[in-house]
C-alpha atoms as a PDB file:
ATOM      1  CA  MET A   1     -12.960 -55.321  10.118  1.00  0.00           C
ATOM      2  CA  LYS A   2      -9.396 -55.131  11.714  1.00  0.00           C
ATOM      3  CA  LYS A   3      -8.103 -55.446   8.059  1.00  0.00           C
ATOM      4  CA  LEU A   4     -10.002 -51.866   7.213  1.00  0.00           C
ATOM      5  CA  LEU A   5      -7.833 -50.688   9.656  1.00  0.00           C
ATOM      6  CA  PHE A   6      -4.481 -50.209   8.531  1.00  0.00           C
ATOM      7  CA  PRO A   7      -6.417 -48.636   4.851  1.00  0.00           C
ATOM      8  CA  LEU A   8      -8.387 -46.082   6.281  1.00  0.00           C
ATOM      9  CA  ILE A   9      -5.876 -44.318   8.749  1.00  0.00           C
ATOM     10  CA  ALA A  10      -3.349 -44.790   5.696  1.00  0.00           C
ATOM     11  CA  VAL A  11      -5.996 -42.488   3.761  1.00  0.00           C
ATOM     12  CA  ALA A  12      -6.529 -40.625   6.654  1.00  0.00           C
ATOM     13  CA  CYS A  13      -3.052 -39.289   6.681  1.00  0.00           C
ATOM     14  CA  PHE A  14      -2.754 -38.993   3.100  1.00  0.00           C
ATOM     15  CA  THR A  15      -5.388 -36.773   3.274  1.00  0.00           C
ATOM     16  CA  THR A  16      -4.318 -34.582   6.082  1.00  0.00           C
ATOM     17  CA  ALA A  17      -0.369 -34.508   4.599  1.00  0.00           C
ATOM     18  CA  GLY A  18      -1.996 -33.473   1.386  1.00  0.00           C
ATOM     19  CA  PHE A  19      -4.147 -30.871   2.852  1.00  0.00           C
ATOM     20  CA  THR A  20      -1.060 -29.057   4.558  1.00  0.00           C
ATOM     21  CA  GLN A  21       0.183 -28.379   1.101  1.00  0.00           C
ATOM     22  CA  VAL A  22      -3.098 -27.302  -0.492  1.00  0.00           C
ATOM     23  CA  ARG A  23      -2.583 -23.168  -0.324  1.00  0.00           C
ATOM     24  CA  MET A  24      -5.574 -20.776  -1.061  1.00  0.00           C
ATOM     25  CA  PRO A  25      -6.253 -17.625  -1.478  1.00  0.00           C
ATOM     26  CA  ALA A  26      -6.240 -14.903   1.300  1.00  0.00           C
ATOM     27  CA  PRO A  27      -9.807 -14.047   1.301  1.00  0.00           C
ATOM     28  CA  SER A  28      -8.752 -10.784   2.626  1.00  0.00           C
ATOM     29  CA  PRO A  29      -5.006 -10.102   1.387  1.00  0.00           C
ATOM     30  CA  THR A  30      -2.505  -8.182   3.243  1.00  0.00           C
ATOM     31  CA  GLN A  31      -1.162  -5.071   1.190  1.00  0.00           C
ATOM     32  CA  THR A  32       2.033  -3.355   2.720  1.00  0.00           C
ATOM     33  CA  ILE A  33       1.924   0.268   1.286  1.00  0.00           C
ATOM     34  CA  LYS A  34       5.052   3.197   1.312  1.00  0.00           C
ATOM     35  CA  GLN A  35       5.282   6.392   0.403  1.00  0.00           C
ATOM     36  CA  GLU A  36       8.577   8.392   0.625  1.00  0.00           C
ATOM     37  CA  PHE A  37       7.779  11.672   1.915  1.00  0.00           C
ATOM     38  CA  GLY A  38       9.237  14.372   3.031  1.00  0.00           C
ATOM     39  CA  ILE A  39      12.961  13.295   4.588  1.00  0.00           C
ATOM     40  CA  GLY A  40      11.292  10.237   5.562  1.00  0.00           C
ATOM     41  CA  SER A  41       8.607   7.568   5.000  1.00  0.00           C
ATOM     42  CA  VAL A  42       5.596   6.418   5.734  1.00  0.00           C
ATOM     43  CA  GLU A  43       4.876   2.558   5.050  1.00  0.00           C
ATOM     44  CA  ILE A  44       0.770   0.899   6.077  1.00  0.00           C
ATOM     45  CA  THR A  45       0.328  -2.490   6.276  1.00  0.00           C
ATOM     46  CA  TYR A  46      -3.269  -3.682   6.510  1.00  0.00           C
ATOM     47  CA  SER A  47      -5.405  -6.253   5.027  1.00  0.00           C
ATOM     48  CA  ARG A  48      -8.064  -5.633   2.191  1.00  0.00           C
ATOM     49  CA  PRO A  49     -11.176  -7.313   2.788  1.00  0.00           C
ATOM     50  CA  ALA A  50     -13.820  -7.348  -0.419  1.00  0.00           C
ATOM     51  CA  ALA A  51     -17.682  -6.265   0.102  1.00  0.00           C
ATOM     52  CA  LYS A  52     -19.261  -9.309  -1.833  1.00  0.00           C
ATOM     53  CA  GLY A  53     -22.646  -7.371  -2.133  1.00  0.00           C
ATOM     54  CA  ARG A  54     -22.803  -6.436   1.553  1.00  0.00           C
ATOM     55  CA  LYS A  55     -23.746  -3.664   2.885  1.00  0.00           C
ATOM     56  CA  VAL A  56     -20.561  -2.092   4.303  1.00  0.00           C
ATOM     57  CA  PHE A  57     -20.962   1.037   6.749  1.00  0.00           C
ATOM     58  CA  GLY A  58     -23.344   0.941   9.284  1.00  0.00           C
ATOM     59  CA  ASP A  59     -23.841  -3.059   8.962  1.00  0.00           C
ATOM     60  CA  LEU A  60     -20.581  -4.986   8.256  1.00  0.00           C
ATOM     61  CA  VAL A  61     -18.690  -1.760   9.738  1.00  0.00           C
ATOM     62  CA  PRO A  62     -21.057  -0.632  12.172  1.00  0.00           C
ATOM     63  CA  TYR A  63     -21.167   2.773  13.063  1.00  0.00           C
ATOM     64  CA  ASN A  64     -19.692   4.792  16.191  1.00  0.00           C
ATOM     65  CA  LYS A  65     -17.480   1.413  16.817  1.00  0.00           C
ATOM     66  CA  LEU A  66     -14.189   1.229  16.937  1.00  0.00           C
ATOM     67  CA  TRP A  67     -12.490  -0.397  13.979  1.00  0.00           C
ATOM     68  CA  ARG A  68      -9.439  -2.448  12.888  1.00  0.00           C
ATOM     69  CA  THR A  69      -9.641  -0.671   9.965  1.00  0.00           C
ATOM     70  CA  GLY A  70      -9.334  -3.420   7.224  1.00  0.00           C
ATOM     71  CA  ALA A  71      -9.468  -7.231   8.400  1.00  0.00           C
ATOM     72  CA  ASN A  72      -7.322  -9.917  10.736  1.00  0.00           C
ATOM     73  CA  ALA A  73      -4.608  -7.691  12.506  1.00  0.00           C
ATOM     74  CA  ALA A  74      -5.119  -3.973  13.284  1.00  0.00           C
ATOM     75  CA  THR A  75      -3.892  -1.665  10.419  1.00  0.00           C
ATOM     76  CA  ARG A  76      -0.178  -0.660  11.178  1.00  0.00           C
ATOM     77  CA  VAL A  77       1.750   2.158  10.448  1.00  0.00           C
ATOM     78  CA  VAL A  78       5.485   2.785  10.767  1.00  0.00           C
ATOM     79  CA  LEU A  79       7.139   6.739  10.201  1.00  0.00           C
ATOM     80  CA  THR A  80      10.625   7.555   9.965  1.00  0.00           C
ATOM     81  CA  GLU A  81      10.283  10.928  10.734  1.00  0.00           C
ATOM     82  CA  PRO A  82       7.733  12.974  13.086  1.00  0.00           C
ATOM     83  CA  LEU A  83       4.414  13.714  10.469  1.00  0.00           C
ATOM     84  CA  GLU A  84       1.165  15.921  11.166  1.00  0.00           C
ATOM     85  CA  PHE A  85      -1.923  14.166  10.739  1.00  0.00           C
ATOM     86  CA  ALA A  86      -4.768  15.992  10.587  1.00  0.00           C
ATOM     87  CA  GLY A  87      -3.024  18.705  12.336  1.00  0.00           C
ATOM     88  CA  LYS A  88      -1.802  16.039  15.210  1.00  0.00           C
ATOM     89  CA  ARG A  89       1.698  15.801  15.642  1.00  0.00           C
ATOM     90  CA  ILE A  90       2.572  12.217  15.243  1.00  0.00           C
ATOM     91  CA  ASP A  91       6.505  11.016  16.203  1.00  0.00           C
ATOM     92  CA  THR A  92       8.803   8.645  14.730  1.00  0.00           C
ATOM     93  CA  GLY A  93       7.198   5.161  15.671  1.00  0.00           C
ATOM     94  CA  THR A  94       5.228   2.264  14.942  1.00  0.00           C
ATOM     95  CA  TYR A  95       1.830   2.369  15.975  1.00  0.00           C
ATOM     96  CA  VAL A  96      -1.708   0.880  15.057  1.00  0.00           C
ATOM     97  CA  LEU A  97      -4.403   3.136  13.600  1.00  0.00           C
ATOM     98  CA  TYR A  98      -7.709   2.425  14.039  1.00  0.00           C
ATOM     99  CA  THR A  99     -11.296   3.795  13.404  1.00  0.00           C
ATOM    100  CA  ILE A 100     -14.493   4.892  14.213  1.00  0.00           C
ATOM    101  CA  PRO A 101     -16.683   5.266  11.214  1.00  0.00           C
ATOM    102  CA  GLY A 102     -19.742   7.444  11.692  1.00  0.00           C
ATOM    103  CA  ILE A 103     -22.174   8.809   8.926  1.00  0.00           C
ATOM    104  CA  ASP A 104     -20.898  12.629   9.164  1.00  0.00           C
ATOM    105  CA  SER A 105     -17.355  12.029  10.756  1.00  0.00           C
ATOM    106  CA  TRP A 106     -15.100   9.427  11.193  1.00  0.00           C
ATOM    107  CA  ASP A 107     -11.997   9.323  14.542  1.00  0.00           C
ATOM    108  CA  ILE A 108      -8.694   8.362  13.376  1.00  0.00           C
ATOM    109  CA  ILE A 109      -7.129   6.937  16.319  1.00  0.00           C
ATOM    110  CA  PHE A 110      -2.927   6.048  16.796  1.00  0.00           C
ATOM    111  CA  ASN A 111      -2.506   3.472  19.369  1.00  0.00           C
ATOM    112  CA  LYS A 112       0.459   2.270  20.779  1.00  0.00           C
ATOM    113  CA  GLY A 113      -1.251  -1.580  21.156  1.00  0.00           C
ATOM    114  CA  LEU A 114       1.539  -3.224  18.660  1.00  0.00           C
ATOM    115  CA  LYS A 115       0.521  -6.873  20.390  1.00  0.00           C
ATOM    116  CA  ASN A 116      -3.553  -6.656  19.907  1.00  0.00           C
ATOM    117  CA  TRP A 117      -5.070  -8.429  17.487  1.00  0.00           C
ATOM    118  CA  GLY A 118      -7.368  -6.613  15.716  1.00  0.00           C
ATOM    119  CA  THR A 119      -9.391  -4.308  18.377  1.00  0.00           C
ATOM    120  CA  ASP A 120      -9.229  -7.291  21.211  1.00  0.00           C
ATOM    121  CA  GLY A 121      -6.718  -5.118  23.756  1.00  0.00           C
ATOM    122  CA  TYR A 122      -7.105  -2.197  22.955  1.00  0.00           C
ATOM    123  CA  LYS A 123      -6.921   0.275  25.629  1.00  0.00           C
ATOM    124  CA  GLU A 124      -7.882   4.123  24.976  1.00  0.00           C
ATOM    125  CA  SER A 125      -4.897   4.903  27.473  1.00  0.00           C
ATOM    126  CA  GLU A 126      -2.473   3.585  24.720  1.00  0.00           C
ATOM    127  CA  ASP A 127      -4.230   6.209  22.521  1.00  0.00           C
ATOM    128  CA  VAL A 128      -1.794   8.464  21.032  1.00  0.00           C
ATOM    129  CA  ALA A 129      -3.035  10.998  19.058  1.00  0.00           C
ATOM    130  CA  ARG A 130      -7.263  11.143  17.922  1.00  0.00           C
ATOM    131  CA  VAL A 131      -8.102  13.241  15.125  1.00  0.00           C
ATOM    132  CA  ARG A 132     -11.392  13.547  13.271  1.00  0.00           C
ATOM    133  CA  VAL A 133     -12.349  13.978  10.109  1.00  0.00           C
ATOM    134  CA  GLU A 134     -15.395  14.285   7.018  1.00  0.00           C
ATOM    135  CA  PRO A 135     -16.700  11.273   4.570  1.00  0.00           C
ATOM    136  CA  SER A 136     -17.425  11.576   1.680  1.00  0.00           C
ATOM    137  CA  LYS A 137     -19.883   9.871  -1.087  1.00  0.00           C
ATOM    138  CA  THR A 138     -18.184   8.561  -4.258  1.00  0.00           C
ATOM    139  CA  LYS A 139     -20.208   7.677  -7.620  1.00  0.00           C
ATOM    140  CA  SER A 140     -18.045   4.962  -8.459  1.00  0.00           C
ATOM    141  CA  LYS A 141     -18.041   1.478  -5.823  1.00  0.00           C
ATOM    142  CA  THR A 142     -14.643   0.382  -4.383  1.00  0.00           C
ATOM    143  CA  GLU A 143     -15.030  -3.084  -3.994  1.00  0.00           C
ATOM    144  CA  SER A 144     -11.739  -4.087  -2.057  1.00  0.00           C
ATOM    145  CA  PHE A 145     -10.917  -2.501   1.198  1.00  0.00           C
ATOM    146  CA  THR A 146      -8.548   0.297  -0.313  1.00  0.00           C
ATOM    147  CA  MET A 147      -5.736   2.873   1.553  1.00  0.00           C
ATOM    148  CA  GLN A 148      -3.798   4.909  -0.891  1.00  0.00           C
ATOM    149  CA  PHE A 149      -1.358   7.745  -1.069  1.00  0.00           C
ATOM    150  CA  VAL A 150      -2.392  10.786  -3.129  1.00  0.00           C
ATOM    151  CA  ASP A 151      -1.464  13.977  -4.240  1.00  0.00           C
ATOM    152  CA  VAL A 152       2.335  13.813  -2.903  1.00  0.00           C
ATOM    153  CA  LYS A 153       4.136  16.693  -2.765  1.00  0.00           C
ATOM    154  CA  PRO A 154       6.970  17.502  -0.410  1.00  0.00           C
ATOM    155  CA  GLU A 155       5.531  19.099   2.107  1.00  0.00           C
ATOM    156  CA  SER A 156       2.264  17.323   2.045  1.00  0.00           C
ATOM    157  CA  CYS A 157       0.032  14.630   0.481  1.00  0.00           C
ATOM    158  CA  GLU A 158      -3.502  12.766   1.856  1.00  0.00           C
ATOM    159  CA  LEU A 159      -3.971   9.073   3.036  1.00  0.00           C
ATOM    160  CA  GLN A 160      -7.099   8.380   1.611  1.00  0.00           C
ATOM    161  CA  ILE A 161      -9.526   5.329   2.858  1.00  0.00           C
ATOM    162  CA  SER A 162     -12.003   4.113   0.539  1.00  0.00           C
ATOM    163  CA  TRP A 163     -14.645   0.825   0.852  1.00  0.00           C
ATOM    164  CA  GLU A 164     -17.847   0.507  -1.127  1.00  0.00           C
ATOM    165  CA  LYS A 165     -18.537   4.189  -2.008  1.00  0.00           C
ATOM    166  CA  THR A 166     -17.591   5.644   1.233  1.00  0.00           C
ATOM    167  CA  LEU A 167     -14.295   8.092   0.947  1.00  0.00           C
ATOM    168  CA  VAL A 168     -12.196   9.381   3.853  1.00  0.00           C
ATOM    169  CA  SER A 169      -8.934  11.750   3.500  1.00  0.00           C
ATOM    170  CA  ILE A 170      -6.486  12.596   5.977  1.00  0.00           C
ATOM    171  CA  PRO A 171      -3.964  15.299   5.607  1.00  0.00           C
ATOM    172  CA  ILE A 172      -0.689  14.924   6.258  1.00  0.00           C
ATOM    173  CA  LYS A 173       1.982  17.594   6.877  1.00  0.00           C
ATOM    174  CA  ALA A 174       5.796  17.098   6.913  1.00  0.00           C
ATOM    175  CA  ASP A 175       7.695  19.587   8.835  1.00  0.00           C
ATOM    176  CA  PHE A 176      11.477  19.465   7.856  1.00  0.00           C
ATOM    177  CA  ARG A 177      12.965  23.041   6.658  1.00  0.00           C
ATOM    178  CA  ASP A 178      14.691  23.506  10.376  1.00  0.00           C
ATOM    179  CA  LYS A 179      15.700  20.089  10.418  1.00  0.00           C
ATOM    180  CA  VAL A 180      16.882  20.627   6.614  1.00  0.00           C
ATOM    181  CA  ARG A 181      18.592  23.981   7.346  1.00  0.00           C
ATOM    182  CA  ALA A 182      20.339  22.848  10.332  1.00  0.00           C
ATOM    183  CA  GLN A 183      22.243  19.924   8.665  1.00  0.00           C
ATOM    184  CA  LEU A 184      23.245  22.609   5.457  1.00  0.00           C
ATOM    185  CA  GLU A 185      24.558  24.825   7.703  1.00  0.00           C
ATOM    186  CA  THR A 186      26.543  22.271   8.971  1.00  0.00           C
ATOM    187  CA  ALA A 187      27.793  20.278   6.254  1.00  0.00           C
ATOM    188  CA  LEU A 188      28.456  23.834   4.307  1.00  0.00           C
ATOM    189  CA  GLN A 189      31.337  23.771   7.372  1.00  0.00           C
ATOM    190  CA  GLY A 190      32.875  21.091   6.234  1.00  0.00           C
ATOM    191  CA  ASP A 191      35.439  20.166   3.081  1.00  0.00           C
ATOM    192  CA  LYS A 192      32.479  18.808   0.929  1.00  0.00           C
ATOM    193  CA  LYS A 193      30.107  21.227   1.183  1.00  0.00           C
ATOM    194  CA  PRO A 194      26.449  20.564  -0.421  1.00  0.00           C
ATOM    195  CA  TYR A 195      26.232  23.944  -2.527  1.00  0.00           C
ATOM    196  CA  TRP A 196      23.778  22.465  -5.007  1.00  0.00           C
ATOM    197  CA  GLN A 197      21.436  20.578  -1.786  1.00  0.00           C
ATOM    198  CA  ALA A 198      22.043  24.357  -0.338  1.00  0.00           C
ATOM    199  CA  ALA A 199      21.039  26.168  -3.692  1.00  0.00           C
ATOM    200  CA  GLN A 200      17.873  23.883  -4.160  1.00  0.00           C
ATOM    201  CA  PHE A 201      16.940  24.360  -0.287  1.00  0.00           C
ATOM    202  CA  TYR A 202      17.156  27.797  -0.451  1.00  0.00           C
ATOM    203  CA  ASN A 203      14.641  28.381  -3.661  1.00  0.00           C
ATOM    204  CA  GLU A 204      12.632  26.072  -3.246  1.00  0.00           C
ATOM    205  CA  TYR A 205      11.492  26.065   0.437  1.00  0.00           C
ATOM    206  CA  GLU A 206      13.143  29.752   1.892  1.00  0.00           C
ATOM    207  CA  LYS A 207      12.357  31.254  -1.267  1.00  0.00           C
ATOM    208  CA  ASN A 208      16.025  33.246  -0.704  1.00  0.00           C
ATOM    209  CA  LEU A 209      17.109  33.986  -3.473  1.00  0.00           C
ATOM    210  CA  PRO A 210      19.786  35.644  -3.389  1.00  0.00           C
ATOM    211  CA  LYS A 211      21.157  33.110  -0.909  1.00  0.00           C
ATOM    212  CA  ALA A 212      20.233  30.606  -3.894  1.00  0.00           C
ATOM    213  CA  LEU A 213      21.370  32.016  -6.463  1.00  0.00           C
ATOM    214  CA  GLU A 214      24.697  32.271  -4.330  1.00  0.00           C
ATOM    215  CA  TYR A 215      24.807  28.653  -4.117  1.00  0.00           C
ATOM    216  CA  THR A 216      23.980  27.392  -7.096  1.00  0.00           C
ATOM    217  CA  SER A 217      27.146  30.201  -8.386  1.00  0.00           C
ATOM    218  CA  LYS A 218      29.143  27.921  -5.950  1.00  0.00           C
ATOM    219  CA  ALA A 219      27.759  24.753  -7.110  1.00  0.00           C
ATOM    220  CA  ILE A 220      28.891  25.360 -11.013  1.00  0.00           C
ATOM    221  CA  GLU A 221      32.203  26.536  -9.942  1.00  0.00           C
ATOM    222  CA  THR A 222      32.854  23.061  -8.726  1.00  0.00           C
ATOM    223  CA  ASN A 223      31.040  21.148 -11.950  1.00  0.00           C
ATOM    224  CA  GLU A 224      31.372  24.123 -15.041  1.00  0.00           C
ATOM    225  CA  LYS A 225      29.943  22.126 -17.424  1.00  0.00           C
ATOM    226  CA  ALA A 226      26.540  20.953 -15.339  1.00  0.00           C
ATOM    227  CA  PHE A 227      23.883  22.434 -17.843  1.00  0.00           C
ATOM    228  CA  TRP A 228      21.153  21.896 -15.709  1.00  0.00           C
ATOM    229  CA  MET A 229      22.734  23.987 -12.485  1.00  0.00           C
ATOM    230  CA  TRP A 230      23.323  26.962 -15.504  1.00  0.00           C
ATOM    231  CA  ILE A 231      19.878  26.634 -15.904  1.00  0.00           C
ATOM    232  CA  TYR A 232      18.742  26.616 -12.507  1.00  0.00           C
ATOM    233  CA  LYS A 233      20.632  30.068 -11.870  1.00  0.00           C
ATOM    234  CA  ALA A 234      19.018  31.341 -15.008  1.00  0.00           C
ATOM    235  CA  LYS A 235      15.492  30.978 -13.550  1.00  0.00           C
ATOM    236  CA  ILE A 236      16.240  32.219 -10.338  1.00  0.00           C
ATOM    237  CA  GLN A 237      18.544  35.169 -11.953  1.00  0.00           C
ATOM    238  CA  LYS A 238      14.970  36.135 -13.890  1.00  0.00           C
ATOM    239  CA  GLU A 239      12.864  35.692 -11.044  1.00  0.00           C
ATOM    240  CA  MET A 240      15.121  38.238  -9.495  1.00  0.00           C
ATOM    241  CA  GLY A 241      14.502  41.233 -12.168  1.00  0.00           C
ATOM    242  CA  ASP A 242      17.963  40.128 -13.771  1.00  0.00           C
ATOM    243  CA  ASN A 243      17.142  39.350 -17.268  1.00  0.00           C
ATOM    244  CA  ALA A 244      20.265  39.914 -19.295  1.00  0.00           C
ATOM    245  CA  GLY A 245      21.854  37.717 -16.677  1.00  0.00           C
ATOM    246  CA  ALA A 246      19.349  35.407 -17.013  1.00  0.00           C
ATOM    247  CA  LEU A 247      20.218  35.220 -20.885  1.00  0.00           C
ATOM    248  CA  GLU A 248      23.469  34.849 -20.436  1.00  0.00           C
ATOM    249  CA  SER A 249      22.874  31.736 -17.840  1.00  0.00           C
ATOM    250  CA  SER A 250      20.504  29.803 -19.912  1.00  0.00           C
ATOM    251  CA  LYS A 251      22.928  30.666 -23.250  1.00  0.00           C
ATOM    252  CA  LYS A 252      25.789  28.888 -21.374  1.00  0.00           C
ATOM    253  CA  SER A 253      23.177  26.196 -20.339  1.00  0.00           C
ATOM    254  CA  LEU A 254      22.340  25.586 -24.149  1.00  0.00           C
ATOM    255  CA  ALA A 255      25.843  25.340 -25.527  1.00  0.00           C
ATOM    256  CA  LEU A 256      26.801  22.412 -22.932  1.00  0.00           C
ATOM    257  CA  ALA A 257      23.378  20.917 -23.493  1.00  0.00           C
ATOM    258  CA  GLN A 258      23.838  20.882 -27.209  1.00  0.00           C
ATOM    259  CA  GLU A 259      27.880  19.549 -26.285  1.00  0.00           C
ATOM    260  CA  ALA A 260      26.312  16.536 -24.207  1.00  0.00           C
ATOM    261  CA  LYS A 261      23.675  15.916 -26.321  1.00  0.00           C
ATOM    262  CA  ASN A 262      20.572  16.217 -24.326  1.00  0.00           C
ATOM    263  CA  ASP A 263      17.905  17.066 -26.089  1.00  0.00           C
ATOM    264  CA  ASP A 264      15.475  17.918 -23.560  1.00  0.00           C
ATOM    265  CA  TYR A 265      17.599  20.732 -21.790  1.00  0.00           C
ATOM    266  CA  VAL A 266      18.190  22.081 -25.531  1.00  0.00           C
ATOM    267  CA  LYS A 267      14.183  22.588 -25.708  1.00  0.00           C
ATOM    268  CA  ILE A 268      14.424  23.561 -22.164  1.00  0.00           C
ATOM    269  CA  ASN A 269      16.577  26.421 -22.805  1.00  0.00           C
ATOM    270  CA  GLN A 270      15.313  27.341 -26.196  1.00  0.00           C
ATOM    271  CA  ASP A 271      11.802  27.839 -24.543  1.00  0.00           C
ATOM    272  CA  PHE A 272      13.223  29.762 -21.353  1.00  0.00           C
ATOM    273  CA  GLN A 273      14.427  32.831 -23.805  1.00  0.00           C
ATOM    274  CA  LYS A 274      11.486  32.717 -25.309  1.00  0.00           C
ATOM    275  CA  THR A 275      10.275  34.354 -22.490  1.00  0.00           C
ATOM    276  CA  LEU A 276      13.054  36.552 -21.772  1.00  0.00           C
ATOM    277  CA  LYS A 277      12.213  38.561 -25.021  1.00  0.00           C
END
């Protein structure tokens, strides 16, 4: 019997060593999504369990009970700028995203418990914000738990949470105008004046057309062959009721675009000039 001891030990060691080298697919793989939004970004890291024929909400994920919003570690959210989630302002920072699913409503919770594993260690006293949203039913089925950003605009977007046939949308808003305005006003006092950025800000966010026109004209003075700036100026002039000025600016843009062999802006100007007749 003693003769068999070493071979058995050797086989056991070989098997154990071989096992540690095997990498299997994660049953609930981790995903990190990052969305640039406003003047910052939102990053979410979460695990994605699959339904696998099971009833999810109300069974696998109980109603009216704290959920880690995925599998494994609790879902984590990183904000580089303050944002509003369903009307509640959340400051810059890193948070755990918990949820309490319900039939008619979901509670969305931002919490400071970054060392928590799942829901273990959760303390309501560490909640930063809690909002309530309504779930909806979908016709198609989402097999793997999914989080995604949709309808992304400069000042608003939605975070969607979907699994099985349940969809939850959390509206997000970015309030960056005061900060950008202050940055522009400071920068415009310096040597390198951001006229082009100022023109876009006052036109697209402040709707201050005279100021936008002023800064567009100053930006053109620093780069007279910028055909994209000339057509931008033309559009502002048209909106201000100056069709004659808009036509002249567009003609300049068209000539410069043709010189630069930029067919896209050639067509943009040709189509724009038709709207002035």
